[in-house]
Amino acid sequence: MVKSRDKIRHTIKAAFGKYLLWTNTASCGVLMFLGDLIDQEIHYRKKVDKTWRYDYMRLGRMFIVGLAVGPAHHYYYNFINVVWPRRNMPSIGKKILADQLIASPICIVLFFYTLGLLEGKKFSDATEELKHKFVSVYTVDWMVWPPTQFINFYLVPVRYQVLYINTVTMFYDVFLSFIKHEYDYKMSTSEVLLKEL
């Protein structure tokens, strides 16, 4: 029993030490997949016609997008913690602003273009979709991420920050999946939120 606990402890230490890039990348892919799985399950339960439960190609695309952004998250959080290493309010405020004004818009754009590419859409079609959906996503982004990032930057050790963000992202991805796959761009942001809840 002691050996198995030591083995688990050693594996966790390696995953969040020597293999942190791989851990962050894999967790991003898996948790984005799970977020889409939850969204599909929610919508399956609401459907009258229950001919299919999961769109496995869609799940695969979400997993690939997660794997694609995983390394970016890994290096971004390392970088931002080098630029503002302290855990005081001015540093945390700067990290949150950088996250909201730089990282978030980039992530939203990458999300729509990468999924559009994986779906076989033309670049112009992905651009059109992004134009219609960006404001709704970015508005909700401002509601979710500043408080989440405050906790992240204030309490979470740097090596666990991407895992923490990926875990919160899993729930945020339920919303993103809805916006990406079922959202009518004529709806207001509040209508989108009410429909999803």
N, C-alpha and C. Protein backbone atom coordinates (compact mmCIF):
# COMPACT_ATOMS: atom_id res chain seq x y z
N MET A 1 0.82 -1.20 0.00
CA MET A 1 0.00 0.00 0.00
C MET A 1 0.87 1.26 0.00
N VAL A 2 1.92 1.24 0.80
CA VAL A 2 2.82 2.40 0.87
C VAL A 2 3.50 2.62 -0.47
N LYS A 3 3.90 1.52 -1.13
CA LYS A 3 4.57 1.65 -2.43
C LYS A 3 3.65 2.28 -3.47
N SER A 4 2.38 1.88 -3.46
CA SER A 4 1.47 2.46 -4.45
C SER A 4 1.24 3.95 -4.17
N ARG A 5 1.16 4.34 -2.90
CA ARG A 5 1.03 5.77 -2.57
C ARG A 5 2.27 6.54 -3.01
N ASP A 6 3.44 5.96 -2.77
CA ASP A 6 4.69 6.60 -3.20
C ASP A 6 4.74 6.73 -4.72
N LYS A 7 4.26 5.70 -5.40
CA LYS A 7 4.25 5.73 -6.86
C LYS A 7 3.32 6.83 -7.37
N ILE A 8 2.16 6.94 -6.75
CA ILE A 8 1.20 8.00 -7.14
C ILE A 8 1.80 9.37 -6.87
N ARG A 9 2.39 9.54 -5.70
CA ARG A 9 3.02 10.81 -5.34
C ARG A 9 4.13 11.16 -6.33
N HIS A 10 4.94 10.17 -6.69
CA HIS A 10 6.04 10.38 -7.63
C HIS A 10 5.49 10.77 -9.02
N THR A 11 4.41 10.10 -9.45
CA THR A 11 3.80 10.40 -10.74
C THR A 11 3.25 11.83 -10.78
N ILE A 12 2.57 12.22 -9.71
CA ILE A 12 2.01 13.58 -9.64
C ILE A 12 3.13 14.61 -9.63
N LYS A 13 4.18 14.33 -8.88
CA LYS A 13 5.32 15.26 -8.82
C LYS A 13 5.95 15.42 -10.21
N ALA A 14 6.11 14.31 -10.93
CA ALA A 14 6.68 14.37 -12.28
C ALA A 14 5.74 15.10 -13.24
N ALA A 15 4.43 14.83 -13.13
CA ALA A 15 3.45 15.46 -14.03
C ALA A 15 3.44 16.97 -13.86
N PHE A 16 3.60 17.43 -12.62
CA PHE A 16 3.57 18.88 -12.37
C PHE A 16 4.97 19.46 -12.17
N GLY A 17 5.95 18.74 -12.63
CA GLY A 17 7.33 19.21 -12.59
C GLY A 17 7.94 19.03 -13.97
N LYS A 18 8.64 17.92 -14.13
CA LYS A 18 9.37 17.60 -15.35
C LYS A 18 8.47 17.57 -16.60
N TYR A 19 7.24 17.09 -16.45
CA TYR A 19 6.34 16.93 -17.60
C TYR A 19 5.18 17.93 -17.59
N LEU A 20 5.41 19.10 -17.03
CA LEU A 20 4.34 20.08 -16.88
C LEU A 20 3.72 20.51 -18.21
N LEU A 21 4.52 20.71 -19.24
CA LEU A 21 3.98 21.08 -20.55
C LEU A 21 3.00 20.01 -21.05
N TRP A 22 3.39 18.74 -20.95
CA TRP A 22 2.52 17.65 -21.40
C TRP A 22 1.26 17.56 -20.54
N THR A 23 1.41 17.75 -19.24
CA THR A 23 0.25 17.71 -18.34
C THR A 23 -0.72 18.82 -18.68
N ASN A 24 -0.21 20.03 -18.87
CA ASN A 24 -1.06 21.17 -19.21
C ASN A 24 -1.76 20.98 -20.55
N THR A 25 -1.03 20.45 -21.53
CA THR A 25 -1.60 20.23 -22.86
C THR A 25 -2.69 19.16 -22.81
N ALA A 26 -2.39 18.04 -22.17
CA ALA A 26 -3.37 16.95 -22.09
C ALA A 26 -4.60 17.38 -21.30
N SER A 27 -4.40 18.08 -20.20
CA SER A 27 -5.56 18.50 -19.39
C SER A 27 -6.43 19.48 -20.17
N CYS A 28 -5.82 20.31 -20.98
CA CYS A 28 -6.59 21.26 -21.79
C CYS A 28 -7.46 20.50 -22.81
N GLY A 29 -6.88 19.52 -23.48
CA GLY A 29 -7.64 18.73 -24.45
C GLY A 29 -8.76 17.93 -23.81
N VAL A 30 -8.43 17.24 -22.73
CA VAL A 30 -9.42 16.38 -22.05
C VAL A 30 -10.56 17.22 -21.47
N LEU A 31 -10.23 18.33 -20.83
CA LEU A 31 -11.28 19.13 -20.19
C LEU A 31 -12.13 19.90 -21.21
N MET A 32 -11.56 20.26 -22.36
CA MET A 32 -12.38 20.87 -23.41
C MET A 32 -13.33 19.82 -23.98
N PHE A 33 -12.84 18.61 -24.16
CA PHE A 33 -13.67 17.49 -24.60
C PHE A 33 -14.83 17.28 -23.61
N LEU A 34 -14.52 17.26 -22.31
CA LEU A 34 -15.56 17.05 -21.29
C LEU A 34 -16.58 18.19 -21.27
N GLY A 35 -16.13 19.42 -21.47
CA GLY A 35 -17.05 20.55 -21.53
C GLY A 35 -18.05 20.39 -22.66
N ASP A 36 -17.57 19.95 -23.83
CA ASP A 36 -18.47 19.73 -24.96
C ASP A 36 -19.38 18.53 -24.71
N LEU A 37 -18.86 17.50 -24.07
CA LEU A 37 -19.66 16.32 -23.72
C LEU A 37 -20.82 16.72 -22.81
N ILE A 38 -20.54 17.55 -21.82
CA ILE A 38 -21.59 18.04 -20.91
C ILE A 38 -22.63 18.84 -21.69
N ASP A 39 -22.17 19.72 -22.60
CA ASP A 39 -23.11 20.51 -23.40
C ASP A 39 -23.99 19.60 -24.25
N GLN A 40 -23.40 18.60 -24.88
CA GLN A 40 -24.18 17.68 -25.70
C GLN A 40 -25.18 16.89 -24.85
N GLU A 41 -24.77 16.49 -23.66
CA GLU A 41 -25.67 15.75 -22.76
C GLU A 41 -26.85 16.62 -22.33
N ILE A 42 -26.58 17.88 -22.01
CA ILE A 42 -27.65 18.81 -21.62
C ILE A 42 -28.67 18.93 -22.75
N HIS A 43 -28.18 19.10 -23.97
CA HIS A 43 -29.08 19.30 -25.11
C HIS A 43 -29.77 18.00 -25.51
N TYR A 44 -29.12 16.87 -25.31
CA TYR A 44 -29.76 15.58 -25.57
C TYR A 44 -30.97 15.40 -24.64
N ARG A 45 -30.81 15.74 -23.39
CA ARG A 45 -31.90 15.57 -22.42
C ARG A 45 -33.07 16.51 -22.69
N LYS A 46 -32.80 17.64 -23.36
CA LYS A 46 -33.87 18.59 -23.69
C LYS A 46 -34.61 18.21 -24.97
N LYS A 47 -33.98 17.37 -25.80
CA LYS A 47 -34.55 17.04 -27.11
C LYS A 47 -35.74 16.10 -26.98
N VAL A 48 -36.69 16.26 -27.90
CA VAL A 48 -37.82 15.33 -27.99
C VAL A 48 -37.39 14.15 -28.85
N ASP A 49 -36.76 14.46 -29.99
CA ASP A 49 -36.26 13.42 -30.89
C ASP A 49 -34.86 13.00 -30.43
N LYS A 50 -34.77 11.85 -29.81
CA LYS A 50 -33.49 11.41 -29.23
C LYS A 50 -32.81 10.37 -30.13
N THR A 51 -32.64 10.73 -31.40
CA THR A 51 -32.05 9.78 -32.35
C THR A 51 -30.55 9.61 -32.16
N TRP A 52 -29.88 10.61 -31.67
CA TRP A 52 -28.44 10.48 -31.40
C TRP A 52 -28.13 11.16 -30.09
N ARG A 53 -27.09 10.68 -29.43
CA ARG A 53 -26.73 11.25 -28.14
C ARG A 53 -25.52 12.17 -28.27
N TYR A 54 -24.46 11.68 -28.91
CA TYR A 54 -23.22 12.46 -29.01
C TYR A 54 -22.76 12.57 -30.46
N ASP A 55 -22.20 13.72 -30.76
CA ASP A 55 -21.55 13.95 -32.04
C ASP A 55 -20.05 13.74 -31.78
N TYR A 56 -19.58 12.54 -32.13
CA TYR A 56 -18.20 12.17 -31.80
C TYR A 56 -17.18 12.99 -32.58
N MET A 57 -17.52 13.38 -33.80
CA MET A 57 -16.60 14.22 -34.57
C MET A 57 -16.46 15.58 -33.89
N ARG A 58 -17.55 16.12 -33.42
CA ARG A 58 -17.52 17.41 -32.71
C ARG A 58 -16.69 17.28 -31.44
N LEU A 59 -16.88 16.19 -30.69
CA LEU A 59 -16.07 15.97 -29.48
C LEU A 59 -14.59 15.90 -29.84
N GLY A 60 -14.28 15.21 -30.94
CA GLY A 60 -12.89 15.11 -31.38
C GLY A 60 -12.30 16.46 -31.75
N ARG A 61 -13.11 17.28 -32.42
CA ARG A 61 -12.62 18.62 -32.79
C ARG A 61 -12.35 19.47 -31.54
N MET A 62 -13.24 19.38 -30.56
CA MET A 62 -13.03 20.15 -29.32
C MET A 62 -11.76 19.67 -28.61
N PHE A 63 -11.53 18.36 -28.61
CA PHE A 63 -10.32 17.80 -28.01
C PHE A 63 -9.07 18.33 -28.71
N ILE A 64 -9.11 18.35 -30.04
CA ILE A 64 -7.96 18.85 -30.82
C ILE A 64 -7.72 20.33 -30.53
N VAL A 65 -8.78 21.12 -30.46
CA VAL A 65 -8.62 22.55 -30.14
C VAL A 65 -7.98 22.68 -28.76
N GLY A 66 -8.42 21.88 -27.80
CA GLY A 66 -7.82 21.91 -26.47
C GLY A 66 -6.34 21.58 -26.50
N LEU A 67 -5.98 20.55 -27.27
CA LEU A 67 -4.56 20.19 -27.40
C LEU A 67 -3.78 21.32 -28.07
N ALA A 68 -4.41 22.00 -29.01
CA ALA A 68 -3.73 23.09 -29.73
C ALA A 68 -3.46 24.29 -28.82
N VAL A 69 -4.40 24.60 -27.93
CA VAL A 69 -4.20 25.78 -27.07
C VAL A 69 -3.46 25.44 -25.77
N GLY A 70 -3.35 24.16 -25.45
CA GLY A 70 -2.65 23.75 -24.22
C GLY A 70 -1.24 24.31 -24.09
N PRO A 71 -0.39 24.14 -25.11
CA PRO A 71 0.96 24.71 -25.00
C PRO A 71 0.96 26.24 -24.87
N ALA A 72 0.03 26.90 -25.56
CA ALA A 72 -0.06 28.36 -25.46
C ALA A 72 -0.39 28.77 -24.02
N HIS A 73 -1.33 28.06 -23.40
CA HIS A 73 -1.66 28.35 -21.99
C HIS A 73 -0.44 28.12 -21.10
N HIS A 74 0.24 27.02 -21.33
CA HIS A 74 1.43 26.69 -20.52
C HIS A 74 2.45 27.82 -20.56
N TYR A 75 2.81 28.24 -21.77
CA TYR A 75 3.84 29.27 -21.89
C TYR A 75 3.32 30.65 -21.47
N TYR A 76 2.06 30.92 -21.72
CA TYR A 76 1.48 32.20 -21.32
C TYR A 76 1.53 32.37 -19.80
N TYR A 77 1.11 31.36 -19.06
CA TYR A 77 1.11 31.49 -17.60
C TYR A 77 2.52 31.55 -17.04
N ASN A 78 3.45 30.84 -17.64
CA ASN A 78 4.84 30.98 -17.21
C ASN A 78 5.34 32.40 -17.47
N PHE A 79 5.05 32.92 -18.66
CA PHE A 79 5.49 34.26 -19.04
C PHE A 79 4.90 35.33 -18.13
N ILE A 80 3.59 35.28 -17.94
CA ILE A 80 2.92 36.33 -17.17
C ILE A 80 3.40 36.33 -15.71
N ASN A 81 3.79 35.16 -15.21
CA ASN A 81 4.29 35.09 -13.84
C ASN A 81 5.76 35.50 -13.73
N VAL A 82 6.45 35.54 -14.85
CA VAL A 82 7.81 36.09 -14.86
C VAL A 82 7.73 37.61 -14.93
N VAL A 83 6.83 38.13 -15.76
CA VAL A 83 6.67 39.57 -15.92
C VAL A 83 6.17 40.21 -14.63
N TRP A 84 5.17 39.60 -14.00
CA TRP A 84 4.60 40.10 -12.73
C TRP A 84 4.65 38.97 -11.70
N PRO A 85 5.79 38.74 -11.09
CA PRO A 85 5.95 37.58 -10.22
C PRO A 85 5.27 37.69 -8.85
N ARG A 86 4.96 38.89 -8.44
CA ARG A 86 4.44 39.07 -7.07
C ARG A 86 2.96 38.73 -7.00
N ARG A 87 2.51 38.44 -5.79
CA ARG A 87 1.09 38.12 -5.54
C ARG A 87 0.41 39.27 -4.81
N ASN A 88 0.77 40.49 -5.18
CA ASN A 88 0.11 41.66 -4.57
C ASN A 88 -0.96 42.19 -5.52
N MET A 89 -1.79 43.10 -5.03
CA MET A 89 -2.92 43.59 -5.83
C MET A 89 -2.51 44.27 -7.14
N PRO A 90 -1.46 45.12 -7.16
CA PRO A 90 -1.08 45.71 -8.45
C PRO A 90 -0.66 44.66 -9.49
N SER A 91 0.11 43.66 -9.07
CA SER A 91 0.54 42.61 -10.00
C SER A 91 -0.64 41.77 -10.47
N ILE A 92 -1.51 41.40 -9.54
CA ILE A 92 -2.69 40.60 -9.90
C ILE A 92 -3.59 41.39 -10.84
N GLY A 93 -3.78 42.67 -10.57
CA GLY A 93 -4.59 43.52 -11.45
C GLY A 93 -4.02 43.58 -12.86
N LYS A 94 -2.70 43.71 -12.97
CA LYS A 94 -2.05 43.75 -14.29
C LYS A 94 -2.21 42.42 -15.02
N LYS A 95 -2.08 41.32 -14.29
CA LYS A 95 -2.25 40.00 -14.90
C LYS A 95 -3.68 39.82 -15.42
N ILE A 96 -4.64 40.25 -14.62
CA ILE A 96 -6.05 40.12 -15.03
C ILE A 96 -6.33 40.99 -16.25
N LEU A 97 -5.82 42.22 -16.25
CA LEU A 97 -6.02 43.09 -17.42
C LEU A 97 -5.35 42.52 -18.66
N ALA A 98 -4.13 42.01 -18.52
CA ALA A 98 -3.45 41.39 -19.66
C ALA A 98 -4.25 40.20 -20.16
N ASP A 99 -4.77 39.44 -19.24
CA ASP A 99 -5.56 38.27 -19.61
C ASP A 99 -6.82 38.67 -20.39
N GLN A 100 -7.51 39.69 -19.89
CA GLN A 100 -8.77 40.11 -20.52
C GLN A 100 -8.57 40.90 -21.81
N LEU A 101 -7.55 41.73 -21.86
CA LEU A 101 -7.36 42.61 -23.02
C LEU A 101 -6.52 41.98 -24.13
N ILE A 102 -5.68 41.01 -23.78
CA ILE A 102 -4.80 40.40 -24.78
C ILE A 102 -5.12 38.92 -24.98
N ALA A 103 -4.99 38.13 -23.91
CA ALA A 103 -5.13 36.68 -24.05
C ALA A 103 -6.55 36.25 -24.42
N SER A 104 -7.55 36.81 -23.77
CA SER A 104 -8.93 36.37 -24.04
C SER A 104 -9.36 36.61 -25.48
N PRO A 105 -9.17 37.81 -26.04
CA PRO A 105 -9.57 37.99 -27.44
C PRO A 105 -8.82 37.03 -28.39
N ILE A 106 -7.54 36.82 -28.12
CA ILE A 106 -6.76 35.90 -28.96
C ILE A 106 -7.33 34.49 -28.87
N CYS A 107 -7.65 34.04 -27.65
CA CYS A 107 -8.21 32.69 -27.46
C CYS A 107 -9.56 32.54 -28.15
N ILE A 108 -10.39 33.56 -28.09
CA ILE A 108 -11.70 33.50 -28.74
C ILE A 108 -11.53 33.38 -30.25
N VAL A 109 -10.65 34.20 -30.81
CA VAL A 109 -10.40 34.16 -32.25
C VAL A 109 -9.85 32.79 -32.65
N LEU A 110 -8.87 32.28 -31.90
CA LEU A 110 -8.30 30.97 -32.21
C LEU A 110 -9.34 29.87 -32.11
N PHE A 111 -10.20 29.95 -31.11
CA PHE A 111 -11.26 28.96 -30.93
C PHE A 111 -12.13 28.86 -32.18
N PHE A 112 -12.63 29.99 -32.66
CA PHE A 112 -13.54 29.97 -33.81
C PHE A 112 -12.83 29.61 -35.10
N TYR A 113 -11.61 30.12 -35.31
CA TYR A 113 -10.91 29.79 -36.55
C TYR A 113 -10.44 28.34 -36.57
N THR A 114 -9.93 27.85 -35.45
CA THR A 114 -9.46 26.46 -35.41
C THR A 114 -10.62 25.50 -35.62
N LEU A 115 -11.72 25.72 -34.91
CA LEU A 115 -12.88 24.85 -35.12
C LEU A 115 -13.44 24.98 -36.53
N GLY A 116 -13.47 26.20 -37.05
CA GLY A 116 -13.93 26.39 -38.42
C GLY A 116 -13.08 25.60 -39.41
N LEU A 117 -11.77 25.64 -39.24
CA LEU A 117 -10.86 24.89 -40.09
C LEU A 117 -11.12 23.39 -39.97
N LEU A 118 -11.26 22.90 -38.73
CA LEU A 118 -11.51 21.47 -38.50
C LEU A 118 -12.87 21.03 -39.04
N GLU A 119 -13.82 21.95 -39.11
CA GLU A 119 -15.14 21.64 -39.67
C GLU A 119 -15.17 21.74 -41.19
N GLY A 120 -14.05 22.18 -41.78
CA GLY A 120 -13.98 22.30 -43.23
C GLY A 120 -14.60 23.58 -43.77
N LYS A 121 -14.78 24.57 -42.90
CA LYS A 121 -15.35 25.84 -43.34
C LYS A 121 -14.31 26.68 -44.08
N LYS A 122 -14.81 27.56 -44.93
CA LYS A 122 -13.94 28.54 -45.57
C LYS A 122 -13.54 29.57 -44.51
N PHE A 123 -12.39 30.19 -44.73
CA PHE A 123 -11.92 31.23 -43.82
C PHE A 123 -12.95 32.35 -43.69
N SER A 124 -13.57 32.71 -44.82
CA SER A 124 -14.57 33.80 -44.80
C SER A 124 -15.80 33.41 -43.97
N ASP A 125 -16.18 32.13 -44.00
CA ASP A 125 -17.32 31.67 -43.19
C ASP A 125 -16.98 31.71 -41.70
N ALA A 126 -15.76 31.29 -41.37
CA ALA A 126 -15.32 31.35 -39.97
C ALA A 126 -15.26 32.80 -39.49
N THR A 127 -14.82 33.69 -40.37
CA THR A 127 -14.77 35.12 -40.03
C THR A 127 -16.17 35.66 -39.78
N GLU A 128 -17.11 35.29 -40.61
CA GLU A 128 -18.49 35.73 -40.45
C GLU A 128 -19.07 35.23 -39.13
N GLU A 129 -18.82 33.97 -38.82
CA GLU A 129 -19.31 33.42 -37.55
C GLU A 129 -18.68 34.16 -36.37
N LEU A 130 -17.39 34.40 -36.44
CA LEU A 130 -16.70 35.12 -35.37
C LEU A 130 -17.29 36.52 -35.18
N LYS A 131 -17.58 37.21 -36.28
CA LYS A 131 -18.17 38.56 -36.19
C LYS A 131 -19.49 38.54 -35.43
N HIS A 132 -20.29 37.53 -35.68
CA HIS A 132 -21.61 37.45 -35.06
C HIS A 132 -21.56 36.99 -33.61
N LYS A 133 -20.55 36.21 -33.24
CA LYS A 133 -20.55 35.59 -31.92
C LYS A 133 -19.53 36.18 -30.94
N PHE A 134 -18.59 36.96 -31.44
CA PHE A 134 -17.51 37.46 -30.59
C PHE A 134 -18.02 38.26 -29.40
N VAL A 135 -18.93 39.19 -29.63
CA VAL A 135 -19.39 40.08 -28.55
C VAL A 135 -20.05 39.28 -27.43
N SER A 136 -20.88 38.31 -27.78
CA SER A 136 -21.52 37.49 -26.74
C SER A 136 -20.49 36.72 -25.92
N VAL A 137 -19.54 36.11 -26.60
CA VAL A 137 -18.51 35.33 -25.90
C VAL A 137 -17.65 36.25 -25.03
N TYR A 138 -17.23 37.37 -25.59
CA TYR A 138 -16.35 38.28 -24.85
C TYR A 138 -17.06 38.92 -23.66
N THR A 139 -18.36 39.17 -23.79
CA THR A 139 -19.14 39.72 -22.67
C THR A 139 -19.18 38.73 -21.51
N VAL A 140 -19.48 37.48 -21.82
CA VAL A 140 -19.51 36.45 -20.77
C VAL A 140 -18.10 36.22 -20.22
N ASP A 141 -17.12 36.31 -21.09
CA ASP A 141 -15.72 36.18 -20.69
C ASP A 141 -15.39 37.16 -19.55
N TRP A 142 -15.86 38.39 -19.68
CA TRP A 142 -15.60 39.41 -18.65
C TRP A 142 -16.32 39.09 -17.34
N MET A 143 -17.40 38.34 -17.41
CA MET A 143 -18.11 37.96 -16.18
C MET A 143 -17.44 36.79 -15.47
N VAL A 144 -16.85 35.89 -16.25
CA VAL A 144 -16.29 34.65 -15.69
C VAL A 144 -14.83 34.80 -15.27
N TRP A 145 -14.00 35.33 -16.15
CA TRP A 145 -12.56 35.21 -15.96
C TRP A 145 -11.91 36.17 -14.97
N PRO A 146 -12.30 37.43 -14.83
CA PRO A 146 -11.62 38.25 -13.81
C PRO A 146 -11.69 37.67 -12.40
N PRO A 147 -12.87 37.24 -11.90
CA PRO A 147 -12.87 36.64 -10.56
C PRO A 147 -12.12 35.30 -10.51
N THR A 148 -12.24 34.53 -11.59
CA THR A 148 -11.52 33.25 -11.66
C THR A 148 -10.02 33.48 -11.63
N GLN A 149 -9.56 34.46 -12.41
CA GLN A 149 -8.13 34.75 -12.47
C GLN A 149 -7.63 35.38 -11.17
N PHE A 150 -8.47 36.12 -10.48
CA PHE A 150 -8.04 36.66 -9.19
C PHE A 150 -7.68 35.50 -8.26
N ILE A 151 -8.55 34.51 -8.18
CA ILE A 151 -8.27 33.33 -7.34
C ILE A 151 -7.01 32.64 -7.84
N ASN A 152 -6.91 32.48 -9.16
CA ASN A 152 -5.76 31.80 -9.75
C ASN A 152 -4.45 32.50 -9.40
N PHE A 153 -4.39 33.79 -9.64
CA PHE A 153 -3.13 34.52 -9.43
C PHE A 153 -2.82 34.77 -7.96
N TYR A 154 -3.84 34.80 -7.13
CA TYR A 154 -3.62 35.08 -5.70
C TYR A 154 -3.35 33.82 -4.89
N LEU A 155 -4.02 32.72 -5.21
CA LEU A 155 -3.96 31.54 -4.36
C LEU A 155 -3.26 30.32 -4.97
N VAL A 156 -3.32 30.16 -6.28
CA VAL A 156 -2.87 28.92 -6.90
C VAL A 156 -1.37 29.00 -7.23
N PRO A 157 -0.59 28.00 -6.80
CA PRO A 157 0.83 27.97 -7.19
C PRO A 157 0.96 27.92 -8.72
N VAL A 158 2.00 28.54 -9.24
CA VAL A 158 2.19 28.70 -10.68
C VAL A 158 2.07 27.37 -11.42
N ARG A 159 2.66 26.31 -10.92
CA ARG A 159 2.64 25.05 -11.66
C ARG A 159 1.25 24.43 -11.78
N TYR A 160 0.32 24.87 -10.93
CA TYR A 160 -1.05 24.34 -11.00
C TYR A 160 -2.03 25.32 -11.65
N GLN A 161 -1.55 26.48 -12.08
CA GLN A 161 -2.46 27.50 -12.62
C GLN A 161 -3.16 27.06 -13.90
N VAL A 162 -2.46 26.39 -14.79
CA VAL A 162 -3.10 25.96 -16.04
C VAL A 162 -4.14 24.88 -15.73
N LEU A 163 -3.84 23.96 -14.83
CA LEU A 163 -4.82 22.93 -14.47
C LEU A 163 -6.06 23.57 -13.85
N TYR A 164 -5.86 24.55 -12.97
CA TYR A 164 -7.00 25.26 -12.37
C TYR A 164 -7.84 25.93 -13.47
N ILE A 165 -7.18 26.64 -14.36
CA ILE A 165 -7.88 27.32 -15.45
C ILE A 165 -8.58 26.32 -16.36
N ASN A 166 -7.91 25.21 -16.67
CA ASN A 166 -8.53 24.20 -17.52
C ASN A 166 -9.78 23.60 -16.86
N THR A 167 -9.74 23.45 -15.55
CA THR A 167 -10.90 22.92 -14.83
C THR A 167 -12.07 23.89 -14.91
N VAL A 168 -11.81 25.17 -14.67
CA VAL A 168 -12.87 26.17 -14.80
C VAL A 168 -13.32 26.25 -16.26
N THR A 169 -12.37 26.14 -17.17
CA THR A 169 -12.67 26.19 -18.60
C THR A 169 -13.61 25.07 -19.02
N MET A 170 -13.51 23.92 -18.36
CA MET A 170 -14.42 22.82 -18.71
C MET A 170 -15.87 23.28 -18.59
N PHE A 171 -16.19 24.01 -17.53
CA PHE A 171 -17.55 24.51 -17.35
C PHE A 171 -17.84 25.67 -18.32
N TYR A 172 -16.85 26.51 -18.53
CA TYR A 172 -16.99 27.61 -19.48
C TYR A 172 -17.19 27.06 -20.90
N ASP A 173 -16.56 25.92 -21.19
CA ASP A 173 -16.67 25.31 -22.51
C ASP A 173 -18.08 24.80 -22.80
N VAL A 174 -18.86 24.52 -21.76
CA VAL A 174 -20.26 24.17 -21.98
C VAL A 174 -20.94 25.36 -22.67
N PHE A 175 -20.67 26.55 -22.16
CA PHE A 175 -21.20 27.78 -22.78
C PHE A 175 -20.62 27.97 -24.18
N LEU A 176 -19.29 27.82 -24.32
CA LEU A 176 -18.65 28.00 -25.63
C LEU A 176 -19.22 27.03 -26.66
N SER A 177 -19.43 25.78 -26.26
CA SER A 177 -19.99 24.79 -27.17
C SER A 177 -21.39 25.20 -27.62
N PHE A 178 -22.16 25.70 -26.68
CA PHE A 178 -23.50 26.16 -27.04
C PHE A 178 -23.41 27.30 -28.05
N ILE A 179 -22.56 28.28 -27.76
CA ILE A 179 -22.41 29.43 -28.66
C ILE A 179 -21.94 28.96 -30.04
N LYS A 180 -20.97 28.09 -30.06
CA LYS A 180 -20.39 27.62 -31.32
C LYS A 180 -21.39 26.80 -32.14
N HIS A 181 -22.12 25.92 -31.49
CA HIS A 181 -22.89 24.93 -32.23
C HIS A 181 -24.40 25.18 -32.30
N GLU A 182 -24.95 26.00 -31.40
CA GLU A 182 -26.41 26.11 -31.38
C GLU A 182 -26.94 27.53 -31.27
N TYR A 183 -26.07 28.47 -31.11
CA TYR A 183 -26.45 29.86 -30.84
C TYR A 183 -26.97 30.55 -32.08
N ASP A 184 -28.11 31.22 -31.94
CA ASP A 184 -28.67 32.07 -32.99
C ASP A 184 -28.13 33.48 -32.74
N TYR A 185 -27.31 33.98 -33.64
CA TYR A 185 -26.62 35.26 -33.39
C TYR A 185 -27.56 36.45 -33.29
N LYS A 186 -28.84 36.25 -33.54
CA LYS A 186 -29.79 37.35 -33.37
C LYS A 186 -30.21 37.51 -31.91
N MET A 187 -29.83 36.55 -31.06
CA MET A 187 -30.18 36.61 -29.64
C MET A 187 -29.23 37.56 -28.92
N SER A 188 -29.73 38.22 -27.88
CA SER A 188 -28.86 39.06 -27.06
C SER A 188 -28.07 38.17 -26.11
N THR A 189 -27.02 38.72 -25.51
CA THR A 189 -26.20 37.95 -24.57
C THR A 189 -27.04 37.45 -23.41
N SER A 190 -27.95 38.27 -22.88
CA SER A 190 -28.78 37.82 -21.76
C SER A 190 -29.72 36.69 -22.19
N GLU A 191 -30.25 36.76 -23.41
CA GLU A 191 -31.10 35.67 -23.92
C GLU A 191 -30.29 34.38 -24.06
N VAL A 192 -29.05 34.50 -24.50
CA VAL A 192 -28.18 33.34 -24.63
C VAL A 192 -27.96 32.69 -23.27
N LEU A 193 -27.64 33.50 -22.27
CA LEU A 193 -27.39 32.97 -20.93
C LEU A 193 -28.64 32.31 -20.36
N LEU A 194 -29.79 32.93 -20.52
CA LEU A 194 -31.03 32.37 -20.00
C LEU A 194 -31.39 31.07 -20.71
N LYS A 195 -31.17 31.01 -22.01
CA LYS A 195 -31.48 29.79 -22.75
C LYS A 195 -30.56 28.66 -22.31
N GLU A 196 -29.29 28.95 -22.08
CA GLU A 196 -28.33 27.92 -21.70
C GLU A 196 -28.62 27.40 -20.29
N LEU A 197 -29.09 28.27 -19.40
CA LEU A 197 -29.40 27.85 -18.03
C LEU A 197 -30.73 27.15 -18.01
